[in-house]
Amino acid sequence: MGEFRPVPDVLAYLAGSWRVERSVRDLAGGGEGRFEGVTAFGAPHRDGPGEDGGPPPDGALLHEESGTFVWLGVARPAVRTLRFLPGPRPGTADVRFADGRPFHDLDLTTGRHVTEHPCSADLYRGEFTVSDADRWRTVWRVAGPAKDLLLITDYARVG
């Protein structure tokens, strides 16, 4: 992907449903997997807790991903939930795990963002790129004593 599309407001851009295709490669062991499914970015339930136990902040999105993950030929259902909260600067996001722990920042105002997330002794390095109004990609490189992975995820807007 050579040119990137700037996104002035990442939460407004992500809102809606996206078709997801993810490849996962274990660079140390040689295993390969694939996830296919859907991610919906929608308003969190107003009765659900926010960061401080109160209601979620205005503009927050709940990221709910579901589909099938095939690893070494074995298919399994897979789900994950993340919280995308308004970031410290307008148009940015603070991404959290479902339980509220910090995951990473996200700023697509240039159409590209690089971020990191330490996980025990491993380091997740993510690159987010936007190609147009309906397509974006993440590339996570995970390196450390426990993991040596490359995860590439392509998103295409549904509808």
C-alpha atoms as a PDB file:
ATOM      1  CA  MET A   1       0.000   0.000   0.000  1.00  0.00           C
ATOM      2  CA  GLY A   2       1.792   3.105  -1.221  1.00  0.00           C
ATOM      3  CA  GLU A   3      -0.608   5.999  -0.632  1.00  0.00           C
ATOM      4  CA  PHE A   4      -2.633   6.475   2.511  1.00  0.00           C
ATOM      5  CA  ARG A   5      -5.984   8.192   2.969  1.00  0.00           C
ATOM      6  CA  PRO A   6      -6.044  10.641   5.887  1.00  0.00           C
ATOM      7  CA  VAL A   7      -8.879  10.068   8.367  1.00  0.00           C
ATOM      8  CA  PRO A   8      -9.819  13.195  10.341  1.00  0.00           C
ATOM      9  CA  ASP A   9     -11.914  11.241  12.905  1.00  0.00           C
ATOM     10  CA  VAL A  10     -10.971   7.589  13.434  1.00  0.00           C
ATOM     11  CA  LEU A  11     -14.077   6.724  15.467  1.00  0.00           C
ATOM     12  CA  ALA A  12     -16.444   8.124  12.820  1.00  0.00           C
ATOM     13  CA  TYR A  13     -14.492   6.260  10.109  1.00  0.00           C
ATOM     14  CA  LEU A  14     -14.618   2.905  11.900  1.00  0.00           C
ATOM     15  CA  ALA A  15     -18.317   2.996  12.854  1.00  0.00           C
ATOM     16  CA  GLY A  16     -20.260   0.235  11.114  1.00  0.00           C
ATOM     17  CA  SER A  17     -19.543  -3.312   9.979  1.00  0.00           C
ATOM     18  CA  TRP A  18     -16.411  -4.609   8.291  1.00  0.00           C
ATOM     19  CA  ARG A  19     -15.565  -7.916   6.612  1.00  0.00           C
ATOM     20  CA  VAL A  20     -12.312  -9.223   8.114  1.00  0.00           C
ATOM     21  CA  GLU A  21      -9.629 -11.474   6.635  1.00  0.00           C
ATOM     22  CA  ARG A  22      -6.542 -12.137   8.780  1.00  0.00           C
ATOM     23  CA  SER A  23      -3.500 -14.269   8.063  1.00  0.00           C
ATOM     24  CA  VAL A  24      -1.392 -15.461  10.990  1.00  0.00           C
ATOM     25  CA  ARG A  25       2.108 -16.849  10.543  1.00  0.00           C
ATOM     26  CA  ASP A  26       4.267 -18.332  13.280  1.00  0.00           C
ATOM     27  CA  LEU A  27       7.690 -17.225  12.033  1.00  0.00           C
ATOM     28  CA  ALA A  28       9.550 -19.497  14.462  1.00  0.00           C
ATOM     29  CA  GLY A  29       7.508 -22.674  14.084  1.00  0.00           C
ATOM     30  CA  GLY A  30       6.247 -22.255  10.532  1.00  0.00           C
ATOM     31  CA  GLY A  31       2.563 -22.700  11.389  1.00  0.00           C
ATOM     32  CA  GLU A  32      -0.051 -20.741   9.456  1.00  0.00           C
ATOM     33  CA  GLY A  33      -3.616 -19.787  10.181  1.00  0.00           C
ATOM     34  CA  ARG A  34      -6.451 -17.697   8.832  1.00  0.00           C
ATOM     35  CA  PHE A  35      -9.361 -15.832  10.396  1.00  0.00           C
ATOM     36  CA  GLU A  36     -12.438 -14.805   8.423  1.00  0.00           C
ATOM     37  CA  GLY A  37     -15.393 -13.010   9.914  1.00  0.00           C
ATOM     38  CA  VAL A  38     -16.992  -9.669  10.663  1.00  0.00           C
ATOM     39  CA  THR A  39     -16.127  -6.799  12.968  1.00  0.00           C
ATOM     40  CA  ALA A  40     -18.868  -4.426  14.093  1.00  0.00           C
ATOM     41  CA  PHE A  41     -17.949  -1.052  15.565  1.00  0.00           C
ATOM     42  CA  GLY A  42     -21.013   0.241  17.370  1.00  0.00           C
ATOM     43  CA  ALA A  43     -22.054   2.335  20.300  1.00  0.00           C
ATOM     44  CA  PRO A  44     -21.503   0.535  23.601  1.00  0.00           C
ATOM     45  CA  HIS A  45     -24.510  -0.384  25.674  1.00  0.00           C
ATOM     46  CA  ARG A  46     -25.423   2.663  27.743  1.00  0.00           C
ATOM     47  CA  ASP A  47     -25.950   0.480  30.794  1.00  0.00           C
ATOM     48  CA  GLY A  48     -22.472  -1.035  30.432  1.00  0.00           C
ATOM     49  CA  PRO A  49     -19.631   0.365  32.509  1.00  0.00           C
ATOM     50  CA  GLY A  50     -17.234   2.978  31.218  1.00  0.00           C
ATOM     51  CA  GLU A  51     -13.626   3.324  32.336  1.00  0.00           C
ATOM     52  CA  ASP A  52     -14.602   4.635  35.764  1.00  0.00           C
ATOM     53  CA  GLY A  53     -17.588   2.331  36.251  1.00  0.00           C
ATOM     54  CA  GLY A  54     -19.991   4.973  34.933  1.00  0.00           C
ATOM     55  CA  PRO A  55     -21.495   5.103  31.453  1.00  0.00           C
ATOM     56  CA  PRO A  56     -19.117   4.935  28.463  1.00  0.00           C
ATOM     57  CA  PRO A  57     -17.955   8.291  27.073  1.00  0.00           C
ATOM     58  CA  ASP A  58     -19.789   9.884  24.147  1.00  0.00           C
ATOM     59  CA  GLY A  59     -18.335   8.754  20.837  1.00  0.00           C
ATOM     60  CA  ALA A  60     -16.933   5.482  22.229  1.00  0.00           C
ATOM     61  CA  LEU A  61     -17.232   2.375  20.070  1.00  0.00           C
ATOM     62  CA  LEU A  62     -17.437  -1.271  21.016  1.00  0.00           C
ATOM     63  CA  HIS A  63     -15.424  -3.449  18.600  1.00  0.00           C
ATOM     64  CA  GLU A  64     -17.004  -6.908  18.408  1.00  0.00           C
ATOM     65  CA  GLU A  65     -15.280  -9.409  16.126  1.00  0.00           C
ATOM     66  CA  SER A  66     -16.598 -12.882  15.347  1.00  0.00           C
ATOM     67  CA  GLY A  67     -15.789 -15.525  12.787  1.00  0.00           C
ATOM     68  CA  THR A  68     -13.815 -18.688  12.198  1.00  0.00           C
ATOM     69  CA  PHE A  69     -10.119 -19.166  12.891  1.00  0.00           C
ATOM     70  CA  VAL A  70      -8.383 -22.019  11.083  1.00  0.00           C
ATOM     71  CA  TRP A  71      -5.007 -23.014  12.541  1.00  0.00           C
ATOM     72  CA  LEU A  72      -3.051 -25.885  11.006  1.00  0.00           C
ATOM     73  CA  GLY A  73      -6.229 -27.072   9.293  1.00  0.00           C
ATOM     74  CA  VAL A  74      -8.424 -27.059  12.412  1.00  0.00           C
ATOM     75  CA  ALA A  75     -11.364 -24.601  12.344  1.00  0.00           C
ATOM     76  CA  ARG A  76     -12.689 -23.013  15.537  1.00  0.00           C
ATOM     77  CA  PRO A  77     -15.127 -20.187  16.274  1.00  0.00           C
ATOM     78  CA  ALA A  78     -13.325 -17.048  17.432  1.00  0.00           C
ATOM     79  CA  VAL A  79     -14.525 -13.813  19.038  1.00  0.00           C
ATOM     80  CA  ARG A  80     -12.923 -10.775  20.606  1.00  0.00           C
ATOM     81  CA  THR A  81     -14.109  -7.479  21.999  1.00  0.00           C
ATOM     82  CA  LEU A  82     -12.191  -4.217  22.257  1.00  0.00           C
ATOM     83  CA  ARG A  83     -13.211  -0.725  23.351  1.00  0.00           C
ATOM     84  CA  PHE A  84     -12.332   2.289  21.218  1.00  0.00           C
ATOM     85  CA  LEU A  85     -12.556   5.434  23.329  1.00  0.00           C
ATOM     86  CA  PRO A  86     -12.020   9.055  22.267  1.00  0.00           C
ATOM     87  CA  GLY A  87      -8.277   9.742  22.353  1.00  0.00           C
ATOM     88  CA  PRO A  88      -6.368  12.636  23.909  1.00  0.00           C
ATOM     89  CA  ARG A  89      -6.495  14.666  20.666  1.00  0.00           C
ATOM     90  CA  PRO A  90      -9.560  15.227  18.465  1.00  0.00           C
ATOM     91  CA  GLY A  91     -10.010  12.472  15.885  1.00  0.00           C
ATOM     92  CA  THR A  92      -7.828   9.925  17.708  1.00  0.00           C
ATOM     93  CA  ALA A  93      -8.697   6.836  19.764  1.00  0.00           C
ATOM     94  CA  ASP A  94      -7.541   5.090  22.904  1.00  0.00           C
ATOM     95  CA  VAL A  95      -7.958   1.346  22.321  1.00  0.00           C
ATOM     96  CA  ARG A  96      -8.648  -0.844  25.343  1.00  0.00           C
ATOM     97  CA  PHE A  97      -9.174  -4.537  25.928  1.00  0.00           C
ATOM     98  CA  ALA A  98     -12.707  -5.594  26.910  1.00  0.00           C
ATOM     99  CA  ASP A  99     -11.751  -5.456  30.603  1.00  0.00           C
ATOM    100  CA  GLY A 100     -10.514  -1.852  30.291  1.00  0.00           C
ATOM    101  CA  ARG A 101      -6.752  -2.516  30.256  1.00  0.00           C
ATOM    102  CA  PRO A 102      -4.848  -0.253  27.826  1.00  0.00           C
ATOM    103  CA  PHE A 103      -3.965  -1.770  24.441  1.00  0.00           C
ATOM    104  CA  HIS A 104      -2.729   1.003  22.125  1.00  0.00           C
ATOM    105  CA  ASP A 105      -3.317   4.479  20.755  1.00  0.00           C
ATOM    106  CA  LEU A 106      -4.705   5.094  17.257  1.00  0.00           C
ATOM    107  CA  ASP A 107      -4.258   8.215  15.140  1.00  0.00           C
ATOM    108  CA  LEU A 108      -5.112   7.897  11.447  1.00  0.00           C
ATOM    109  CA  THR A 109      -5.073  11.618  10.641  1.00  0.00           C
ATOM    110  CA  THR A 110      -2.258  10.932   8.127  1.00  0.00           C
ATOM    111  CA  GLY A 111      -3.778   7.617   6.996  1.00  0.00           C
ATOM    112  CA  ARG A 112      -0.979   5.645   8.693  1.00  0.00           C
ATOM    113  CA  HIS A 113      -0.154   4.963  12.339  1.00  0.00           C
ATOM    114  CA  VAL A 114       2.517   2.881  14.068  1.00  0.00           C
ATOM    115  CA  THR A 115       2.080   1.835  17.686  1.00  0.00           C
ATOM    116  CA  GLU A 116       3.395  -0.684  20.217  1.00  0.00           C
ATOM    117  CA  HIS A 117       1.982  -2.817  23.005  1.00  0.00           C
ATOM    118  CA  PRO A 118       4.210  -4.664  25.492  1.00  0.00           C
ATOM    119  CA  CYS A 119       2.709  -7.998  26.552  1.00  0.00           C
ATOM    120  CA  SER A 120       4.793  -9.672  29.260  1.00  0.00           C
ATOM    121  CA  ALA A 121       8.240 -10.066  27.645  1.00  0.00           C
ATOM    122  CA  ASP A 122       6.859  -9.899  24.076  1.00  0.00           C
ATOM    123  CA  LEU A 123       6.372  -6.714  22.058  1.00  0.00           C
ATOM    124  CA  TYR A 124       3.493  -6.159  19.639  1.00  0.00           C
ATOM    125  CA  ARG A 125       4.344  -3.557  16.965  1.00  0.00           C
ATOM    126  CA  GLY A 126       1.332  -2.516  14.899  1.00  0.00           C
ATOM    127  CA  GLU A 127       1.008  -0.559  11.684  1.00  0.00           C
ATOM    128  CA  PHE A 128      -2.434   0.728  10.648  1.00  0.00           C
ATOM    129  CA  THR A 129      -2.983   1.997   7.101  1.00  0.00           C
ATOM    130  CA  VAL A 130      -6.071   3.342   5.339  1.00  0.00           C
ATOM    131  CA  SER A 131      -6.333   2.923   1.565  1.00  0.00           C
ATOM    132  CA  ASP A 132      -9.779   4.463   0.993  1.00  0.00           C
ATOM    133  CA  ALA A 133     -13.177   5.107   2.564  1.00  0.00           C
ATOM    134  CA  ASP A 134     -13.969   1.392   2.642  1.00  0.00           C
ATOM    135  CA  ARG A 135     -10.644  -0.416   3.172  1.00  0.00           C
ATOM    136  CA  TRP A 136      -7.949  -0.428   5.841  1.00  0.00           C
ATOM    137  CA  ARG A 137      -5.267  -2.824   7.090  1.00  0.00           C
ATOM    138  CA  THR A 138      -3.379  -3.705  10.242  1.00  0.00           C
ATOM    139  CA  VAL A 139      -0.036  -5.478  10.381  1.00  0.00           C
ATOM    140  CA  TRP A 140       1.097  -6.702  13.787  1.00  0.00           C
ATOM    141  CA  ARG A 141       4.603  -8.073  14.260  1.00  0.00           C
ATOM    142  CA  VAL A 142       4.913  -9.877  17.596  1.00  0.00           C
ATOM    143  CA  ALA A 143       8.415 -10.648  18.819  1.00  0.00           C
ATOM    144  CA  GLY A 144       9.790 -11.952  22.073  1.00  0.00           C
ATOM    145  CA  PRO A 145      10.619 -15.082  23.979  1.00  0.00           C
ATOM    146  CA  ALA A 146       7.073 -16.495  23.844  1.00  0.00           C
ATOM    147  CA  LYS A 147       5.924 -15.424  20.363  1.00  0.00           C
ATOM    148  CA  ASP A 148       7.293 -14.751  16.894  1.00  0.00           C
ATOM    149  CA  LEU A 149       4.234 -13.910  14.805  1.00  0.00           C
ATOM    150  CA  LEU A 150       3.102 -11.873  11.831  1.00  0.00           C
ATOM    151  CA  LEU A 151      -0.615 -10.988  11.690  1.00  0.00           C
ATOM    152  CA  ILE A 152      -2.000  -9.168   8.643  1.00  0.00           C
ATOM    153  CA  THR A 153      -5.648  -8.114   8.751  1.00  0.00           C
ATOM    154  CA  ASP A 154      -7.599  -6.575   5.883  1.00  0.00           C
ATOM    155  CA  TYR A 155     -10.901  -4.821   6.543  1.00  0.00           C
ATOM    156  CA  ALA A 156     -13.527  -4.044   3.905  1.00  0.00           C
ATOM    157  CA  ARG A 157     -16.671  -2.096   4.770  1.00  0.00           C
ATOM    158  CA  VAL A 158     -19.916  -4.095   4.590  1.00  0.00           C
ATOM    159  CA  GLY A 159     -22.715  -2.391   2.654  1.00  0.00           C
END
